[in-house]
Protein backbone atom coordinates (compact mmCIF):
# COMPACT_ATOMS: atom_id res chain seq x y z
CA MET A 1 0.00 0.00 0.00
CA THR A 2 1.11 3.56 -0.64
CA PRO A 3 -0.05 6.74 1.09
CA THR A 4 -1.12 8.31 -2.19
CA PRO A 5 -4.88 9.00 -2.32
CA PRO A 6 -6.69 9.13 -5.68
CA HIS A 7 -6.50 12.93 -5.97
CA ILE A 8 -2.68 12.95 -5.82
CA ARG A 9 -1.26 12.88 -9.30
CA ARG A 10 1.75 13.74 -11.41
CA ALA A 11 0.83 16.72 -13.53
CA ILE A 12 1.82 18.61 -16.63
CA ALA A 13 4.47 21.26 -16.11
CA ILE A 14 2.97 23.93 -13.86
CA ALA A 15 3.91 27.61 -14.02
CA LEU A 16 6.85 27.32 -16.38
CA GLY A 17 8.67 30.63 -16.63
CA THR A 18 11.84 31.71 -18.42
CA LEU A 19 14.60 32.81 -16.08
CA ALA A 20 16.85 35.77 -16.67
CA VAL A 21 19.86 34.48 -14.77
CA ALA A 22 23.01 36.42 -13.95
CA GLY A 23 25.93 36.27 -11.54
CA GLY A 24 25.86 33.12 -9.44
CA GLY A 25 22.67 31.79 -10.99
CA VAL A 26 22.02 28.66 -12.98
CA ALA A 27 24.33 28.38 -15.98
CA LEU A 28 23.50 25.34 -18.08
CA ALA A 29 24.31 24.67 -21.72
CA ASN A 30 21.05 24.41 -23.66
CA THR A 31 19.04 25.72 -26.60
CA ILE A 32 15.90 26.42 -24.53
CA PRO A 33 16.29 29.23 -21.94
CA ASN A 34 16.54 28.17 -18.30
CA GLN A 35 13.10 27.79 -16.77
CA ALA A 36 11.46 27.45 -13.37
CA SER A 37 8.48 25.25 -12.60
CA SER A 38 6.61 24.71 -9.36
CA ASN A 39 6.53 20.94 -9.89
CA TRP A 40 9.27 19.78 -12.37
CA ALA A 41 13.07 19.62 -12.18
CA GLY A 42 15.18 18.04 -14.90
CA TRP A 43 15.68 18.30 -18.65
CA VAL A 44 13.35 18.55 -21.64
CA ALA A 45 13.79 18.17 -25.40
CA THR A 46 11.33 19.62 -27.90
CA ALA A 47 10.69 18.98 -31.58
CA VAL A 48 11.33 22.05 -33.77
CA PRO A 49 10.27 22.98 -37.32
CA ARG A 50 13.86 23.13 -38.61
CA SER A 51 14.16 19.37 -38.12
CA ALA A 52 10.77 18.31 -39.46
CA ARG A 53 12.40 15.84 -41.86
CA VAL A 54 13.40 13.57 -38.98
CA ALA A 55 11.86 15.18 -35.89
CA SER A 56 8.38 16.51 -36.42
CA HIS A 57 7.50 14.80 -33.14
CA PHE A 58 8.88 12.23 -30.69
CA THR A 59 8.09 8.53 -30.65
CA THR A 60 10.18 7.24 -27.73
CA VAL A 61 11.88 8.45 -24.56
CA SER A 62 14.02 6.30 -22.28
CA GLY A 63 16.35 6.63 -19.32
CA SER A 64 17.74 4.99 -16.20
CA TRP A 65 18.26 6.02 -12.60
CA VAL A 66 19.05 4.60 -9.18
CA GLN A 67 16.19 4.90 -6.70
CA PRO A 68 17.35 7.40 -4.07
CA ALA A 69 17.01 6.91 -0.33
CA ALA A 70 14.69 9.64 0.91
CA THR A 71 14.52 11.46 4.25
CA CYS A 72 11.23 12.32 5.93
CA ALA A 73 10.61 15.55 7.84
CA PRO A 74 8.69 15.50 11.14
CA GLN A 75 4.92 15.86 10.77
CA GLN A 76 5.10 16.46 7.02
CA ARG A 77 3.58 14.53 4.14
CA THR A 78 5.93 14.81 1.19
CA PHE A 79 6.12 13.33 -2.29
CA ALA A 80 8.77 12.86 -5.00
CA ALA A 81 8.37 11.22 -8.41
CA PHE A 82 11.15 10.29 -10.85
CA TRP A 83 10.16 9.57 -14.42
CA VAL A 84 10.59 9.71 -18.17
CA GLY A 85 7.75 10.85 -20.38
CA LEU A 86 6.39 12.40 -23.54
CA GLY A 87 4.21 15.52 -23.68
CA GLY A 88 2.82 17.76 -20.97
CA TYR A 89 5.40 20.50 -21.53
CA ALA A 90 3.88 22.91 -24.05
CA PRO A 91 1.46 25.59 -22.83
CA GLY A 92 -2.06 24.25 -23.12
CA SER A 93 -0.96 20.61 -23.33
CA LYS A 94 -3.75 18.23 -22.33
CA ALA A 95 -1.83 14.93 -22.30
CA LEU A 96 1.28 13.44 -20.76
CA GLU A 97 2.49 9.84 -21.01
CA GLN A 98 4.92 8.95 -18.19
CA ILE A 99 6.31 6.10 -16.09
CA GLY A 100 8.63 6.07 -13.10
CA SER A 101 9.19 5.52 -9.38
CA GLU A 102 8.26 7.34 -6.21
CA ALA A 103 9.49 8.23 -2.71
CA ASP A 104 6.68 9.44 -0.42
CA CYS A 105 6.59 10.22 3.31
CA SER A 106 3.60 9.99 5.62
CA SER A 107 3.09 12.54 8.39
CA GLN A 108 4.27 9.82 10.82
CA GLY A 109 7.62 9.61 9.02
CA GLN A 110 6.96 6.36 7.19
CA LEU A 111 8.61 6.02 3.77
CA PHE A 112 6.91 4.46 0.77
CA TYR A 113 8.78 3.47 -2.40
CA TYR A 114 6.91 2.18 -5.45
CA ALA A 115 6.64 2.24 -9.24
CA TRP A 116 3.78 3.79 -11.20
CA TYR A 117 2.62 5.06 -14.58
CA GLU A 118 0.21 7.77 -15.63
CA LEU A 119 -1.52 8.80 -18.85
CA VAL A 120 -2.72 12.32 -18.08
CA PRO A 121 -5.58 13.20 -17.81
CA ARG A 122 -6.25 9.70 -16.47
CA PRO A 123 -5.31 9.08 -12.81
CA PRO A 124 -2.00 7.42 -11.88
CA VAL A 125 -1.69 3.65 -11.53
CA THR A 126 0.62 1.94 -9.01
CA ILE A 127 2.62 -0.99 -10.39
CA ALA A 128 1.99 -3.18 -7.36
CA ARG A 129 3.97 -6.25 -8.44
CA LEU A 130 7.27 -4.35 -8.59
CA LYS A 131 8.81 -3.78 -5.16
CA ILE A 132 11.11 -0.75 -5.30
CA THR A 133 13.78 -0.14 -2.66
CA PRO A 134 16.56 2.48 -2.39
CA GLY A 135 19.58 1.58 -4.48
CA ASP A 136 17.59 -0.28 -7.13
CA SER A 137 18.70 0.42 -10.70
CA ILE A 138 15.64 1.32 -12.76
CA SER A 139 15.21 1.65 -16.52
CA ALA A 140 12.05 3.00 -18.13
CA SER A 141 10.67 4.00 -21.51
CA VAL A 142 7.59 5.42 -23.20
CA HIS A 143 6.79 4.68 -26.84
CA VAL A 144 3.92 6.22 -28.83
CA SER A 145 2.69 5.23 -32.28
CA SER A 146 -0.42 7.09 -33.40
CA ASP A 147 -2.81 6.75 -30.43
CA HIS A 148 -1.12 3.64 -29.03
CA VAL A 149 1.15 3.94 -25.98
CA THR A 150 3.62 1.37 -24.65
CA LEU A 151 5.16 1.94 -21.21
CA THR A 152 7.95 -0.22 -19.79
CA LEU A 153 9.83 -0.29 -16.50
CA SER A 154 12.51 -2.69 -15.29
CA ASP A 155 14.11 -3.11 -11.88
CA ASN A 156 17.58 -4.18 -13.00
CA THR A 157 18.66 -4.91 -9.43
CA THR A 158 15.98 -7.41 -8.46
CA GLY A 159 15.65 -8.91 -11.92
CA ALA A 160 11.86 -8.92 -11.60
CA LEU A 161 9.89 -9.46 -14.79
CA ARG A 162 9.79 -6.23 -16.77
CA PHE A 163 6.53 -4.29 -16.55
CA ILE A 164 4.91 -3.57 -19.93
CA LYS A 165 1.66 -1.69 -20.42
CA ARG A 166 0.09 -1.27 -23.86
CA THR A 167 -2.98 0.91 -24.25
CA ALA A 168 -4.66 3.48 -26.46
CA MET A 169 -5.41 7.13 -25.71
CA HIS A 170 -8.37 9.04 -27.13
CA ALA A 171 -9.73 12.48 -26.27
CA PRO A 172 -7.06 13.60 -25.80
CA VAL A 173 -4.67 11.70 -28.03
CA PRO A 174 -1.05 11.34 -26.85
CA ASP A 175 1.14 14.44 -26.75
CA THR A 176 4.49 13.76 -28.45
CA SER A 177 5.80 17.30 -28.85
CA ALA A 178 8.38 16.95 -26.05
CA ALA A 179 10.48 14.34 -24.25
CA GLU A 180 11.31 14.71 -20.55
CA TRP A 181 13.53 13.30 -17.77
CA ILE A 182 12.11 14.67 -14.54
CA ALA A 183 12.12 14.71 -10.73
CA GLU A 184 8.71 16.02 -9.70
CA ALA A 185 6.71 17.28 -6.76
CA PRO A 186 3.35 15.58 -7.47
CA ALA A 187 0.21 17.67 -7.24
CA SER A 188 -3.09 17.62 -5.41
CA CYS A 189 -5.80 18.03 -8.03
CA SER A 190 -9.44 18.97 -7.50
CA GLY A 191 -10.15 18.82 -11.22
CA THR A 192 -8.45 18.22 -14.54
CA ASP A 193 -6.90 21.70 -14.65
CA ARG A 194 -6.80 22.65 -10.95
CA CYS A 195 -3.62 21.23 -9.46
CA ARG A 196 -1.46 22.42 -6.57
CA PRO A 197 2.07 21.01 -6.17
CA LEU A 198 2.70 19.24 -2.88
CA ARG A 199 5.80 19.50 -0.72
CA LEU A 200 8.75 17.69 -2.26
CA THR A 201 10.33 14.76 -0.40
CA ASN A 202 14.01 15.21 0.45
CA PHE A 203 15.50 12.67 -1.96
CA GLY A 204 19.07 13.96 -1.69
CA GLN A 205 20.27 13.47 -5.25
CA ILE A 206 19.17 11.41 -8.23
CA GLY A 207 21.17 10.75 -11.37
CA PHE A 208 19.55 10.13 -14.74
CA THR A 209 21.68 8.12 -17.19
CA ALA A 210 21.31 6.52 -20.63
CA ALA A 211 18.84 9.28 -21.49
CA SER A 212 17.75 9.18 -25.11
CA ALA A 213 14.83 10.04 -27.36
CA SER A 214 13.65 8.98 -30.80
CA SER A 215 11.74 11.13 -33.26
CA ILE A 216 10.14 10.79 -36.68
CA GLY A 217 9.61 13.12 -39.61
CA THR A 218 8.80 13.21 -43.29
CA ALA A 219 12.12 11.61 -44.28
CA GLY A 220 12.66 9.06 -41.53
CA THR A 221 13.55 8.61 -37.88
CA HIS A 222 16.29 9.79 -35.57
CA THR A 223 17.61 8.76 -32.13
CA GLY A 224 19.88 10.83 -29.94
CA PRO A 225 20.71 12.10 -26.42
CA ILE A 226 19.00 14.98 -24.64
CA ASP A 227 21.10 17.68 -26.33
CA ASP A 228 21.05 16.22 -29.84
CA PRO A 229 21.17 19.19 -32.27
CA VAL A 230 18.17 17.83 -34.17
CA TRP A 231 15.92 19.10 -31.35
CA ASP A 232 16.00 21.88 -28.77
CA SER A 233 16.74 21.09 -25.13
CA GLY A 234 16.85 22.89 -21.81
CA ALA A 235 16.92 22.56 -18.05
CA ILE A 236 14.05 23.15 -15.64
CA LEU A 237 14.55 23.90 -11.95
CA LEU A 238 11.80 23.30 -9.41
CA SER A 239 10.99 26.30 -7.27
CA SER A 240 7.78 26.66 -5.30
CA ASN A 241 8.40 30.43 -5.38
CA GLY A 242 9.18 30.48 -9.09
CA HIS A 243 12.64 32.03 -8.72
CA ALA A 244 16.09 30.94 -9.88
CA ARG A 245 17.72 31.89 -6.60
CA TYR A 246 16.91 29.81 -3.56
CA SER A 247 15.17 31.49 -0.62
CA VAL A 248 14.80 30.10 2.88
CA ASN A 249 11.00 30.15 2.67
CA GLU A 250 10.89 27.76 -0.29
CA ALA A 251 8.49 24.89 0.36
CA SER A 252 10.18 22.86 -2.40
CA TYR A 253 13.33 23.36 -4.44
CA ALA A 254 15.30 21.04 -6.73
CA LEU A 255 18.14 21.89 -9.07
CA PRO A 256 19.33 20.01 -12.17
CA SER A 257 22.97 19.88 -13.15
CA SER A 258 24.39 20.51 -16.59
CA LEU A 259 24.51 17.54 -18.94
CA SER A 260 27.48 15.20 -18.89
CA PRO A 261 29.70 14.92 -21.99
CA GLY A 262 27.62 13.10 -24.55
CA GLY A 263 24.38 14.67 -23.34
CA ALA A 264 22.85 11.51 -21.89
CA ALA A 265 23.24 12.02 -18.13
CA PHE A 266 22.67 14.62 -15.41
CA THR A 267 21.76 14.84 -11.73
CA VAL A 268 19.00 16.59 -9.81
CA ASN A 269 19.68 17.77 -6.26
CA PHE A 270 17.08 18.36 -3.60
CA GLY A 271 17.63 21.93 -2.40
CA PRO A 272 20.19 24.48 -3.66
CA THR A 273 23.26 22.26 -3.38
CA ALA A 274 24.09 21.31 -6.96
CA VAL A 275 27.52 22.10 -8.39
CA THR A 276 26.24 25.31 -9.94
CA GLY A 277 23.40 26.48 -7.76
CA PRO A 278 21.35 29.64 -7.34
CA THR A 279 23.67 30.88 -4.58
CA GLY A 280 26.75 29.26 -6.11
CA LEU A 281 29.80 28.07 -4.26
CA SER A 282 31.38 31.52 -4.26
CA GLY A 283 30.53 35.18 -4.51
CA PRO A 284 30.56 36.84 -7.93
CA THR A 285 34.19 37.91 -7.67
CA GLY A 286 35.71 36.21 -4.66
CA LEU A 287 35.62 33.24 -2.36
CA SER A 288 35.89 34.90 1.04
CA GLY A 289 33.91 37.52 2.92
CA PRO A 290 33.94 38.97 6.42
CA THR A 291 33.20 35.57 7.96
CA GLY A 292 35.32 33.53 5.60
CA LEU A 293 32.28 32.44 3.58
CA SER A 294 31.13 33.67 0.18
CA GLY A 295 30.52 37.42 0.16
CA PRO A 296 28.21 39.15 -2.31
CA THR A 297 31.03 41.27 -3.68
CA GLY A 298 33.93 39.01 -2.92
CA LEU A 299 35.75 41.75 -0.96
CA SER A 300 38.34 40.60 1.52
CA GLY A 301 37.42 39.99 5.15
CA PRO A 302 39.00 41.67 8.17
CA THR A 303 41.97 39.32 8.01
CA GLY A 304 42.69 40.34 4.44
CA ALA A 305 43.30 36.70 3.54
CA THR A 306 41.61 37.01 0.19
CA GLY A 307 40.04 39.76 -1.83
CA ALA A 308 38.36 40.61 -5.06
CA THR A 309 41.08 38.96 -7.06
CA SER A 310 41.05 35.68 -5.16
C-alpha cells in the first residue's frame, strides 16, 4: 500500500517561466532558456520545425536512474516522483504519457517506495507487483505510435519481470511534442486543470543516465541524447516560489545539473546544493567575505586573507 490517495497525481508542467539568470545563478548549456516550474526539475527536449524531416514529433523516450534513499521531515507529508515521459510541456498541453518511481513520506515519518505510470488526464496507476527499494537500478521507456502507448519499467537490481503496459489514448490523443527526464513534486488536483504542487520529499540526489529520445519526420527517424542538435533542449529547476535563486522560505526546491559529456546524463539535487546552484559556491568575484564564507562582492574579510582577485 502507498499513502497516495486518488486525488494525488503527477501533472503537466505547472507555471513554467523563463529565467533571466546572472551572476551566481544557474548556468547550463542548452538551446531552450533556463526555466522554473513549481513541480518539475530536470531536462526537456522539444521537436522544432527546422528538423521536421526527422523530428516533427517524438516517438520514444528512455532513461535509467538509481532509486534514491529519501529522508522524511517530522509531521510532514511529502512526495517525489522520478520519471521519463512524452508531452505535458507545451502551454495548453492536455496529455502526458509517463512512467517512473516514487518516494513518499507519511506525516508519521513512514517512507513508501513504489513504481507507477500515468496517462494524463487519467489518474496514476501503481505498479503493485514491482517492489522498489533504495539503491535499485531502474530503466524505463515510453513509446507512442499514433494513439497507441507502450510503457515499460525494469528493476535491474531485483531482476523482476519487466513491466509492460500497452494501451490506447483518445480524447485527448497522446502528446508527443516533447520528451522529458524529470524529478517532480506531485500535485493535489481537485479537477483536470486545478492542481497544486505538494511538498517535495528530500530525496538527496538522483542521477539520470542513458537518457535518449527517438523522433520521426517526413524523411525518416532519428535517435539521440538529450542535447542532440536535431531538437532543442533545456533545463528546468523546481521552485515553489518560481525564482532561480533559492530562498529560505521555499516549500520545495530542486536543481538540475548541466549535462554530462555526450548529453545523456545529469543529476538533480534536492535543495540548492548542486555544483552550480542559485547561490553558487562563491561570490561573484571572490571566495571569502567577512566571515570567511562567500561574500556578495567578494571583498576581503578583516583578516585580508583574500580579496576581489582571489
